[in-house]
Amino acid sequence: MDNREEKIIQSFQQDEQMMAMVFVQYCINQALDPVEIYRRAYGSTDSTVLHRALELAVSKEEAGPIEKETLYAVLSMYGNEALAEEIEKTNRKEE
């Protein structure tokens, strides 16, 4: 693998981590359980990216607001529509 390919892979991994962090922080801000939502979407919580995002998350008070539309756009960019669907189902149950 050449240097260019390595940089592309590294960039994708960083972006994927950012997406997971937005997902986790949104859940925390909305008092949702990100691990449970992830499990319902994918049947497992065996994700290094998810666990790293959980480690880096801050309290709702420390975080800035994350709009639902922003979250859905970020999830969609990485093919995580299943997470968006689970969040939507959870939000409907709580209304």
PDB file of N, CA and C in Angstrom:
ATOM      1  N   MET A   1       0.855  -1.178   0.000  1.00  0.00           N
ATOM      2  CA  MET A   1       0.000   0.000   0.000  1.00  0.00           C
ATOM      3  C   MET A   1       0.899   1.238   0.000  1.00  0.00           C
ATOM      4  N   ASP A   2       0.596   2.171  -0.901  1.00  0.00           N
ATOM      5  CA  ASP A   2       1.431   3.364  -0.962  1.00  0.00           C
ATOM      6  C   ASP A   2       0.944   4.430   0.019  1.00  0.00           C
ATOM      7  N   ASN A   3       1.724   5.470   0.138  1.00  0.00           N
ATOM      8  CA  ASN A   3       1.471   6.536   1.109  1.00  0.00           C
ATOM      9  C   ASN A   3       0.117   7.207   0.869  1.00  0.00           C
ATOM     10  N   ARG A   4      -0.256   7.378  -0.388  1.00  0.00           N
ATOM     11  CA  ARG A   4      -1.532   8.029  -0.710  1.00  0.00           C
ATOM     12  C   ARG A   4      -2.706   7.186  -0.202  1.00  0.00           C
ATOM     13  N   GLU A   5      -2.645   5.874  -0.437  1.00  0.00           N
ATOM     14  CA  GLU A   5      -3.705   4.989   0.048  1.00  0.00           C
ATOM     15  C   GLU A   5      -3.793   5.002   1.566  1.00  0.00           C
ATOM     16  N   GLU A   6      -2.656   5.018   2.217  1.00  0.00           N
ATOM     17  CA  GLU A   6      -2.642   5.066   3.680  1.00  0.00           C
ATOM     18  C   GLU A   6      -3.289   6.342   4.189  1.00  0.00           C
ATOM     19  N   LYS A   7      -3.019   7.464   3.532  1.00  0.00           N
ATOM     20  CA  LYS A   7      -3.620   8.740   3.944  1.00  0.00           C
ATOM     21  C   LYS A   7      -5.135   8.727   3.736  1.00  0.00           C
ATOM     22  N   ILE A   8      -5.594   8.121   2.653  1.00  0.00           N
ATOM     23  CA  ILE A   8      -7.031   8.031   2.385  1.00  0.00           C
ATOM     24  C   ILE A   8      -7.703   7.186   3.459  1.00  0.00           C
ATOM     25  N   ILE A   9      -7.114   6.059   3.782  1.00  0.00           N
ATOM     26  CA  ILE A   9      -7.664   5.180   4.821  1.00  0.00           C
ATOM     27  C   ILE A   9      -7.677   5.890   6.166  1.00  0.00           C
ATOM     28  N   GLN A  10      -6.591   6.563   6.502  1.00  0.00           N
ATOM     29  CA  GLN A  10      -6.509   7.278   7.769  1.00  0.00           C
ATOM     30  C   GLN A  10      -7.557   8.388   7.838  1.00  0.00           C
ATOM     31  N   SER A  11      -7.751   9.098   6.735  1.00  0.00           N
ATOM     32  CA  SER A  11      -8.754  10.163   6.696  1.00  0.00           C
ATOM     33  C   SER A  11     -10.160   9.590   6.903  1.00  0.00           C
ATOM     34  N   PHE A  12     -10.450   8.476   6.236  1.00  0.00           N
ATOM     35  CA  PHE A  12     -11.758   7.845   6.397  1.00  0.00           C
ATOM     36  C   PHE A  12     -11.963   7.413   7.843  1.00  0.00           C
ATOM     37  N   GLN A  13     -10.939   6.823   8.456  1.00  0.00           N
ATOM     38  CA  GLN A  13     -11.058   6.367   9.844  1.00  0.00           C
ATOM     39  C   GLN A  13     -11.293   7.541  10.793  1.00  0.00           C
ATOM     40  N   GLN A  14     -10.634   8.654  10.544  1.00  0.00           N
ATOM     41  CA  GLN A  14     -10.843   9.845  11.387  1.00  0.00           C
ATOM     42  C   GLN A  14     -12.266  10.365  11.214  1.00  0.00           C
ATOM     43  N   ASP A  15     -12.745  10.381   9.986  1.00  0.00           N
ATOM     44  CA  ASP A  15     -14.104  10.847   9.721  1.00  0.00           C
ATOM     45  C   ASP A  15     -15.144   9.911  10.332  1.00  0.00           C
ATOM     46  N   GLU A  16     -14.869   8.613  10.258  1.00  0.00           N
ATOM     47  CA  GLU A  16     -15.762   7.633  10.866  1.00  0.00           C
ATOM     48  C   GLU A  16     -15.823   7.837  12.380  1.00  0.00           C
ATOM     49  N   GLN A  17     -14.680   8.128  12.994  1.00  0.00           N
ATOM     50  CA  GLN A  17     -14.642   8.384  14.430  1.00  0.00           C
ATOM     51  C   GLN A  17     -15.432   9.643  14.772  1.00  0.00           C
ATOM     52  N   MET A  18     -15.309  10.666  13.933  1.00  0.00           N
ATOM     53  CA  MET A  18     -16.078  11.894  14.137  1.00  0.00           C
ATOM     54  C   MET A  18     -17.574  11.606  14.069  1.00  0.00           C
ATOM     55  N   MET A  19     -17.993  10.785  13.113  1.00  0.00           N
ATOM     56  CA  MET A  19     -19.397  10.413  12.983  1.00  0.00           C
ATOM     57  C   MET A  19     -19.873   9.705  14.246  1.00  0.00           C
ATOM     58  N   ALA A  20     -19.077   8.789  14.762  1.00  0.00           N
ATOM     59  CA  ALA A  20     -19.449   8.069  15.985  1.00  0.00           C
ATOM     60  C   ALA A  20     -19.532   9.021  17.169  1.00  0.00           C
ATOM     61  N   MET A  21     -18.636   9.973  17.220  1.00  0.00           N
ATOM     62  CA  MET A  21     -18.658  10.934  18.327  1.00  0.00           C
ATOM     63  C   MET A  21     -19.908  11.806  18.265  1.00  0.00           C
ATOM     64  N   VAL A  22     -20.313  12.215  17.069  1.00  0.00           N
ATOM     65  CA  VAL A  22     -21.544  12.998  16.927  1.00  0.00           C
ATOM     66  C   VAL A  22     -22.738  12.158  17.377  1.00  0.00           C
ATOM     67  N   PHE A  23     -22.777  10.896  16.964  1.00  0.00           N
ATOM     68  CA  PHE A  23     -23.864   9.992  17.355  1.00  0.00           C
ATOM     69  C   PHE A  23     -23.930   9.838  18.877  1.00  0.00           C
ATOM     70  N   VAL A  24     -22.810   9.513  19.488  1.00  0.00           N
ATOM     71  CA  VAL A  24     -22.771   9.291  20.940  1.00  0.00           C
ATOM     72  C   VAL A  24     -23.147  10.567  21.687  1.00  0.00           C
ATOM     73  N   GLN A  25     -22.591  11.696  21.277  1.00  0.00           N
ATOM     74  CA  GLN A  25     -22.877  12.943  21.985  1.00  0.00           C
ATOM     75  C   GLN A  25     -24.331  13.348  21.829  1.00  0.00           C
ATOM     76  N   TYR A  26     -24.906  13.145  20.640  1.00  0.00           N
ATOM     77  CA  TYR A  26     -26.328  13.427  20.443  1.00  0.00           C
ATOM     78  C   TYR A  26     -27.149  12.591  21.425  1.00  0.00           C
ATOM     79  N   CYS A  27     -26.824  11.300  21.505  1.00  0.00           N
ATOM     80  CA  CYS A  27     -27.567  10.427  22.418  1.00  0.00           C
ATOM     81  C   CYS A  27     -27.458  10.910  23.857  1.00  0.00           C
ATOM     82  N   ILE A  28     -26.265  11.251  24.280  1.00  0.00           N
ATOM     83  CA  ILE A  28     -26.073  11.747  25.648  1.00  0.00           C
ATOM     84  C   ILE A  28     -26.881  13.027  25.858  1.00  0.00           C
ATOM     85  N   ASN A  29     -26.828  13.920  24.894  1.00  0.00           N
ATOM     86  CA  ASN A  29     -27.563  15.189  25.015  1.00  0.00           C
ATOM     87  C   ASN A  29     -29.070  14.968  25.107  1.00  0.00           C
ATOM     88  N   GLN A  30     -29.568  13.899  24.472  1.00  0.00           N
ATOM     89  CA  GLN A  30     -31.002  13.625  24.451  1.00  0.00           C
ATOM     90  C   GLN A  30     -31.412  12.587  25.503  1.00  0.00           C
ATOM     91  N   ALA A  31     -30.481  12.208  26.377  1.00  0.00           N
ATOM     92  CA  ALA A  31     -30.720  11.195  27.419  1.00  0.00           C
ATOM     93  C   ALA A  31     -31.116   9.853  26.804  1.00  0.00           C
ATOM     94  N   LEU A  32     -30.472   9.502  25.691  1.00  0.00           N
ATOM     95  CA  LEU A  32     -30.660   8.211  25.038  1.00  0.00           C
ATOM     96  C   LEU A  32     -29.434   7.351  25.308  1.00  0.00           C
ATOM     97  N   ASP A  33     -29.592   6.053  25.237  1.00  0.00           N
ATOM     98  CA  ASP A  33     -28.486   5.125  25.461  1.00  0.00           C
ATOM     99  C   ASP A  33     -27.846   4.772  24.120  1.00  0.00           C
ATOM    100  N   PRO A  34     -26.672   5.322  23.804  1.00  0.00           N
ATOM    101  CA  PRO A  34     -26.063   5.063  22.501  1.00  0.00           C
ATOM    102  C   PRO A  34     -25.703   3.594  22.287  1.00  0.00           C
ATOM    103  N   VAL A  35     -25.326   2.896  23.340  1.00  0.00           N
ATOM    104  CA  VAL A  35     -24.964   1.478  23.208  1.00  0.00           C
ATOM    105  C   VAL A  35     -26.200   0.658  22.850  1.00  0.00           C
ATOM    106  N   GLU A  36     -27.312   0.926  23.514  1.00  0.00           N
ATOM    107  CA  GLU A  36     -28.547   0.192  23.234  1.00  0.00           C
ATOM    108  C   GLU A  36     -29.049   0.490  21.820  1.00  0.00           C
ATOM    109  N   ILE A  37     -28.999   1.730  21.414  1.00  0.00           N
ATOM    110  CA  ILE A  37     -29.439   2.083  20.053  1.00  0.00           C
ATOM    111  C   ILE A  37     -28.544   1.405  19.021  1.00  0.00           C
ATOM    112  N   TYR A  38     -27.257   1.411  19.253  1.00  0.00           N
ATOM    113  CA  TYR A  38     -26.317   0.748  18.339  1.00  0.00           C
ATOM    114  C   TYR A  38     -26.604  -0.752  18.283  1.00  0.00           C
ATOM    115  N   ARG A  39     -26.844  -1.363  19.441  1.00  0.00           N
ATOM    116  CA  ARG A  39     -27.144  -2.799  19.486  1.00  0.00           C
ATOM    117  C   ARG A  39     -28.412  -3.123  18.710  1.00  0.00           C
ATOM    118  N   ARG A  40     -29.445  -2.307  18.877  1.00  0.00           N
ATOM    119  CA  ARG A  40     -30.694  -2.548  18.139  1.00  0.00           C
ATOM    120  C   ARG A  40     -30.493  -2.380  16.642  1.00  0.00           C
ATOM    121  N   ALA A  41     -29.629  -1.466  16.248  1.00  0.00           N
ATOM    122  CA  ALA A  41     -29.393  -1.219  14.825  1.00  0.00           C
ATOM    123  C   ALA A  41     -28.544  -2.312  14.181  1.00  0.00           C
ATOM    124  N   TYR A  42     -27.543  -2.798  14.910  1.00  0.00           N
ATOM    125  CA  TYR A  42     -26.568  -3.705  14.308  1.00  0.00           C
ATOM    126  C   TYR A  42     -26.452  -5.062  14.998  1.00  0.00           C
ATOM    127  N   GLY A  43     -27.191  -5.302  16.071  1.00  0.00           N
ATOM    128  CA  GLY A  43     -27.195  -6.595  16.719  1.00  0.00           C
ATOM    129  C   GLY A  43     -25.994  -6.878  17.610  1.00  0.00           C
ATOM    130  N   SER A  44     -25.090  -5.923  17.719  1.00  0.00           N
ATOM    131  CA  SER A  44     -23.882  -6.109  18.509  1.00  0.00           C
ATOM    132  C   SER A  44     -23.372  -4.734  18.932  1.00  0.00           C
ATOM    133  N   THR A  45     -22.549  -4.718  19.939  1.00  0.00           N
ATOM    134  CA  THR A  45     -21.886  -3.466  20.332  1.00  0.00           C
ATOM    135  C   THR A  45     -20.376  -3.631  20.235  1.00  0.00           C
ATOM    136  N   ASP A  46     -19.948  -4.578  19.434  1.00  0.00           N
ATOM    137  CA  ASP A  46     -18.527  -4.872  19.257  1.00  0.00           C
ATOM    138  C   ASP A  46     -17.939  -3.924  18.207  1.00  0.00           C
ATOM    139  N   SER A  47     -17.761  -2.679  18.599  1.00  0.00           N
ATOM    140  CA  SER A  47     -17.247  -1.657  17.689  1.00  0.00           C
ATOM    141  C   SER A  47     -16.198  -0.811  18.412  1.00  0.00           C
ATOM    142  N   THR A  48     -14.985  -0.884  17.935  1.00  0.00           N
ATOM    143  CA  THR A  48     -13.912  -0.082  18.514  1.00  0.00           C
ATOM    144  C   THR A  48     -14.223   1.400  18.380  1.00  0.00           C
ATOM    145  N   VAL A  49     -14.782   1.786  17.244  1.00  0.00           N
ATOM    146  CA  VAL A  49     -15.107   3.190  17.001  1.00  0.00           C
ATOM    147  C   VAL A  49     -16.149   3.675  18.000  1.00  0.00           C
ATOM    148  N   LEU A  50     -17.181   2.866  18.237  1.00  0.00           N
ATOM    149  CA  LEU A  50     -18.218   3.230  19.206  1.00  0.00           C
ATOM    150  C   LEU A  50     -17.618   3.378  20.604  1.00  0.00           C
ATOM    151  N   HIS A  51     -16.819   2.428  21.016  1.00  0.00           N
ATOM    152  CA  HIS A  51     -16.257   2.469  22.370  1.00  0.00           C
ATOM    153  C   HIS A  51     -15.290   3.640  22.543  1.00  0.00           C
ATOM    154  N   ARG A  52     -14.560   3.975  21.513  1.00  0.00           N
ATOM    155  CA  ARG A  52     -13.673   5.137  21.585  1.00  0.00           C
ATOM    156  C   ARG A  52     -14.501   6.419  21.720  1.00  0.00           C
ATOM    157  N   ALA A  53     -15.592   6.512  20.976  1.00  0.00           N
ATOM    158  CA  ALA A  53     -16.469   7.688  21.067  1.00  0.00           C
ATOM    159  C   ALA A  53     -17.075   7.806  22.463  1.00  0.00           C
ATOM    160  N   LEU A  54     -17.427   6.676  23.057  1.00  0.00           N
ATOM    161  CA  LEU A  54     -17.969   6.697  24.419  1.00  0.00           C
ATOM    162  C   LEU A  54     -16.938   7.219  25.417  1.00  0.00           C
ATOM    163  N   GLU A  55     -15.687   6.851  25.212  1.00  0.00           N
ATOM    164  CA  GLU A  55     -14.611   7.325  26.095  1.00  0.00           C
ATOM    165  C   GLU A  55     -14.410   8.833  25.980  1.00  0.00           C
ATOM    166  N   LEU A  56     -14.623   9.383  24.791  1.00  0.00           N
ATOM    167  CA  LEU A  56     -14.346  10.795  24.534  1.00  0.00           C
ATOM    168  C   LEU A  56     -15.547  11.710  24.777  1.00  0.00           C
ATOM    169  N   ALA A  57     -16.713  11.129  24.960  1.00  0.00           N
ATOM    170  CA  ALA A  57     -17.929  11.928  25.133  1.00  0.00           C
ATOM    171  C   ALA A  57     -17.866  12.736  26.427  1.00  0.00           C
ATOM    172  N   VAL A  58     -18.566  13.851  26.409  1.00  0.00           N
ATOM    173  CA  VAL A  58     -18.648  14.724  27.583  1.00  0.00           C
ATOM    174  C   VAL A  58     -20.092  14.803  28.047  1.00  0.00           C
ATOM    175  N   SER A  59     -20.301  15.405  29.178  1.00  0.00           N
ATOM    176  CA  SER A  59     -21.663  15.543  29.703  1.00  0.00           C
ATOM    177  C   SER A  59     -22.475  16.492  28.814  1.00  0.00           C
ATOM    178  N   LYS A  60     -23.768  16.394  28.957  1.00  0.00           N
ATOM    179  CA  LYS A  60     -24.676  17.262  28.202  1.00  0.00           C
ATOM    180  C   LYS A  60     -24.356  18.734  28.469  1.00  0.00           C
ATOM    181  N   GLU A  61     -24.008  19.029  29.709  1.00  0.00           N
ATOM    182  CA  GLU A  61     -23.723  20.410  30.094  1.00  0.00           C
ATOM    183  C   GLU A  61     -22.453  20.942  29.418  1.00  0.00           C
ATOM    184  N   GLU A  62     -21.494  20.068  29.169  1.00  0.00           N
ATOM    185  CA  GLU A  62     -20.244  20.486  28.533  1.00  0.00           C
ATOM    186  C   GLU A  62     -20.341  20.544  27.016  1.00  0.00           C
ATOM    187  N   ALA A  63     -21.267  19.806  26.452  1.00  0.00           N
ATOM    188  CA  ALA A  63     -21.377  19.693  24.995  1.00  0.00           C
ATOM    189  C   ALA A  63     -22.246  20.804  24.427  1.00  0.00           C
ATOM    190  N   GLY A  64     -22.000  21.118  23.207  1.00  0.00           N
ATOM    191  CA  GLY A  64     -22.887  22.023  22.490  1.00  0.00           C
ATOM    192  C   GLY A  64     -24.061  21.232  21.938  1.00  0.00           C
ATOM    193  N   PRO A  65     -25.108  21.921  21.531  1.00  0.00           N
ATOM    194  CA  PRO A  65     -26.274  21.221  20.982  1.00  0.00           C
ATOM    195  C   PRO A  65     -25.938  20.581  19.632  1.00  0.00           C
ATOM    196  N   ILE A  66     -26.577  19.453  19.362  1.00  0.00           N
ATOM    197  CA  ILE A  66     -26.457  18.783  18.072  1.00  0.00           C
ATOM    198  C   ILE A  66     -27.877  18.602  17.550  1.00  0.00           C
ATOM    199  N   GLU A  67     -28.155  19.223  16.427  1.00  0.00           N
ATOM    200  CA  GLU A  67     -29.487  19.126  15.833  1.00  0.00           C
ATOM    201  C   GLU A  67     -29.690  17.737  15.239  1.00  0.00           C
ATOM    202  N   LYS A  68     -30.921  17.258  15.286  1.00  0.00           N
ATOM    203  CA  LYS A  68     -31.245  15.946  14.744  1.00  0.00           C
ATOM    204  C   LYS A  68     -30.890  15.870  13.255  1.00  0.00           C
ATOM    205  N   GLU A  69     -31.140  16.931  12.529  1.00  0.00           N
ATOM    206  CA  GLU A  69     -30.850  16.953  11.099  1.00  0.00           C
ATOM    207  C   GLU A  69     -29.353  16.813  10.827  1.00  0.00           C
ATOM    208  N   THR A  70     -28.549  17.434  11.670  1.00  0.00           N
ATOM    209  CA  THR A  70     -27.093  17.316  11.551  1.00  0.00           C
ATOM    210  C   THR A  70     -26.667  15.873  11.781  1.00  0.00           C
ATOM    211  N   LEU A  71     -27.203  15.276  12.836  1.00  0.00           N
ATOM    212  CA  LEU A  71     -26.885  13.879  13.129  1.00  0.00           C
ATOM    213  C   LEU A  71     -27.252  12.987  11.954  1.00  0.00           C
ATOM    214  N   TYR A  72     -28.458  13.135  11.429  1.00  0.00           N
ATOM    215  CA  TYR A  72     -28.900  12.286  10.322  1.00  0.00           C
ATOM    216  C   TYR A  72     -28.024  12.473   9.094  1.00  0.00           C
ATOM    217  N   ALA A  73     -27.605  13.683   8.827  1.00  0.00           N
ATOM    218  CA  ALA A  73     -26.735  13.938   7.670  1.00  0.00           C
ATOM    219  C   ALA A  73     -25.384  13.246   7.841  1.00  0.00           C
ATOM    220  N   VAL A  74     -24.818  13.346   9.032  1.00  0.00           N
ATOM    221  CA  VAL A  74     -23.524  12.710   9.303  1.00  0.00           C
ATOM    222  C   VAL A  74     -23.650  11.193   9.236  1.00  0.00           C
ATOM    223  N   LEU A  75     -24.698  10.630   9.827  1.00  0.00           N
ATOM    224  CA  LEU A  75     -24.890   9.182   9.777  1.00  0.00           C
ATOM    225  C   LEU A  75     -25.078   8.707   8.339  1.00  0.00           C
ATOM    226  N   SER A  76     -25.822   9.458   7.565  1.00  0.00           N
ATOM    227  CA  SER A  76     -26.084   9.090   6.179  1.00  0.00           C
ATOM    228  C   SER A  76     -24.807   9.085   5.339  1.00  0.00           C
ATOM    229  N   MET A  77     -23.911  10.019   5.604  1.00  0.00           N
ATOM    230  CA  MET A  77     -22.654  10.092   4.857  1.00  0.00           C
ATOM    231  C   MET A  77     -21.852   8.807   4.982  1.00  0.00           C
ATOM    232  N   TYR A  78     -22.014   8.097   6.079  1.00  0.00           N
ATOM    233  CA  TYR A  78     -21.248   6.881   6.332  1.00  0.00           C
ATOM    234  C   TYR A  78     -22.101   5.620   6.273  1.00  0.00           C
ATOM    235  N   GLY A  79     -23.271   5.729   5.665  1.00  0.00           N
ATOM    236  CA  GLY A  79     -24.109   4.549   5.473  1.00  0.00           C
ATOM    237  C   GLY A  79     -24.700   3.986   6.746  1.00  0.00           C
ATOM    238  N   ASN A  80     -24.924   4.827   7.727  1.00  0.00           N
ATOM    239  CA  ASN A  80     -25.463   4.384   9.012  1.00  0.00           C
ATOM    240  C   ASN A  80     -26.932   4.762   9.178  1.00  0.00           C
ATOM    241  N   GLU A  81     -27.695   4.530   8.131  1.00  0.00           N
ATOM    242  CA  GLU A  81     -29.119   4.826   8.190  1.00  0.00           C
ATOM    243  C   GLU A  81     -29.826   4.009   9.271  1.00  0.00           C
ATOM    244  N   ALA A  82     -29.290   2.813   9.563  1.00  0.00           N
ATOM    245  CA  ALA A  82     -29.899   1.974  10.605  1.00  0.00           C
ATOM    246  C   ALA A  82     -29.872   2.679  11.963  1.00  0.00           C
ATOM    247  N   LEU A  83     -28.798   3.389  12.254  1.00  0.00           N
ATOM    248  CA  LEU A  83     -28.739   4.150  13.511  1.00  0.00           C
ATOM    249  C   LEU A  83     -29.773   5.273  13.504  1.00  0.00           C
ATOM    250  N   ALA A  84     -29.883   5.963  12.382  1.00  0.00           N
ATOM    251  CA  ALA A  84     -30.865   7.046  12.280  1.00  0.00           C
ATOM    252  C   ALA A  84     -32.280   6.500  12.480  1.00  0.00           C
ATOM    253  N   GLU A  85     -32.568   5.346  11.900  1.00  0.00           N
ATOM    254  CA  GLU A  85     -33.891   4.740  12.055  1.00  0.00           C
ATOM    255  C   GLU A  85     -34.166   4.376  13.517  1.00  0.00           C
ATOM    256  N   GLU A  86     -33.171   3.834  14.196  1.00  0.00           N
ATOM    257  CA  GLU A  86     -33.356   3.476  15.604  1.00  0.00           C
ATOM    258  C   GLU A  86     -33.555   4.715  16.471  1.00  0.00           C
ATOM    259  N   ILE A  87     -32.844   5.779  16.185  1.00  0.00           N
ATOM    260  CA  ILE A  87     -33.041   7.022  16.937  1.00  0.00           C
ATOM    261  C   ILE A  87     -34.445   7.550  16.706  1.00  0.00           C
ATOM    262  N   GLU A  88     -34.891   7.497  15.466  1.00  0.00           N
ATOM    263  CA  GLU A  88     -36.237   7.973  15.144  1.00  0.00           C
ATOM    264  C   GLU A  88     -37.294   7.133  15.869  1.00  0.00           C
ATOM    265  N   LYS A  89     -37.117   5.816  15.887  1.00  0.00           N
ATOM    266  CA  LYS A  89     -38.057   4.930  16.611  1.00  0.00           C
ATOM    267  C   LYS A  89     -38.067   5.286  18.104  1.00  0.00           C
ATOM    268  N   THR A  90     -36.901   5.499  18.670  1.00  0.00           N
ATOM    269  CA  THR A  90     -36.795   5.836  20.093  1.00  0.00           C
ATOM    270  C   THR A  90     -37.480   7.154  20.377  1.00  0.00           C
ATOM    271  N   ASN A  91     -37.267   8.144  19.524  1.00  0.00           N
ATOM    272  CA  ASN A  91     -37.896   9.451  19.708  1.00  0.00           C
ATOM    273  C   ASN A  91     -39.423   9.349  19.634  1.00  0.00           C
ATOM    274  N   ARG A  92     -39.929   8.535  18.720  1.00  0.00           N
ATOM    275  CA  ARG A  92     -41.389   8.373  18.603  1.00  0.00           C
ATOM    276  C   ARG A  92     -41.971   7.716  19.850  1.00  0.00           C
ATOM    277  N   LYS A  93     -41.257   6.738  20.423  1.00  0.00           N
ATOM    278  CA  LYS A  93     -41.730   6.060  21.630  1.00  0.00           C
ATOM    279  C   LYS A  93     -41.828   7.029  22.803  1.00  0.00           C
ATOM    280  N   GLU A  94     -40.907   7.994  22.855  1.00  0.00           N
ATOM    281  CA  GLU A  94     -40.863   8.916  23.990  1.00  0.00           C
ATOM    282  C   GLU A  94     -41.848  10.066  23.852  1.00  0.00           C
ATOM    283  N   GLU A  95     -42.415  10.259  22.678  1.00  0.00           N
ATOM    284  CA  GLU A  95     -43.352  11.384  22.487  1.00  0.00           C
ATOM    285  C   GLU A  95     -44.715  11.086  23.021  1.00  0.00           C
TER     286      GLU A  95
END
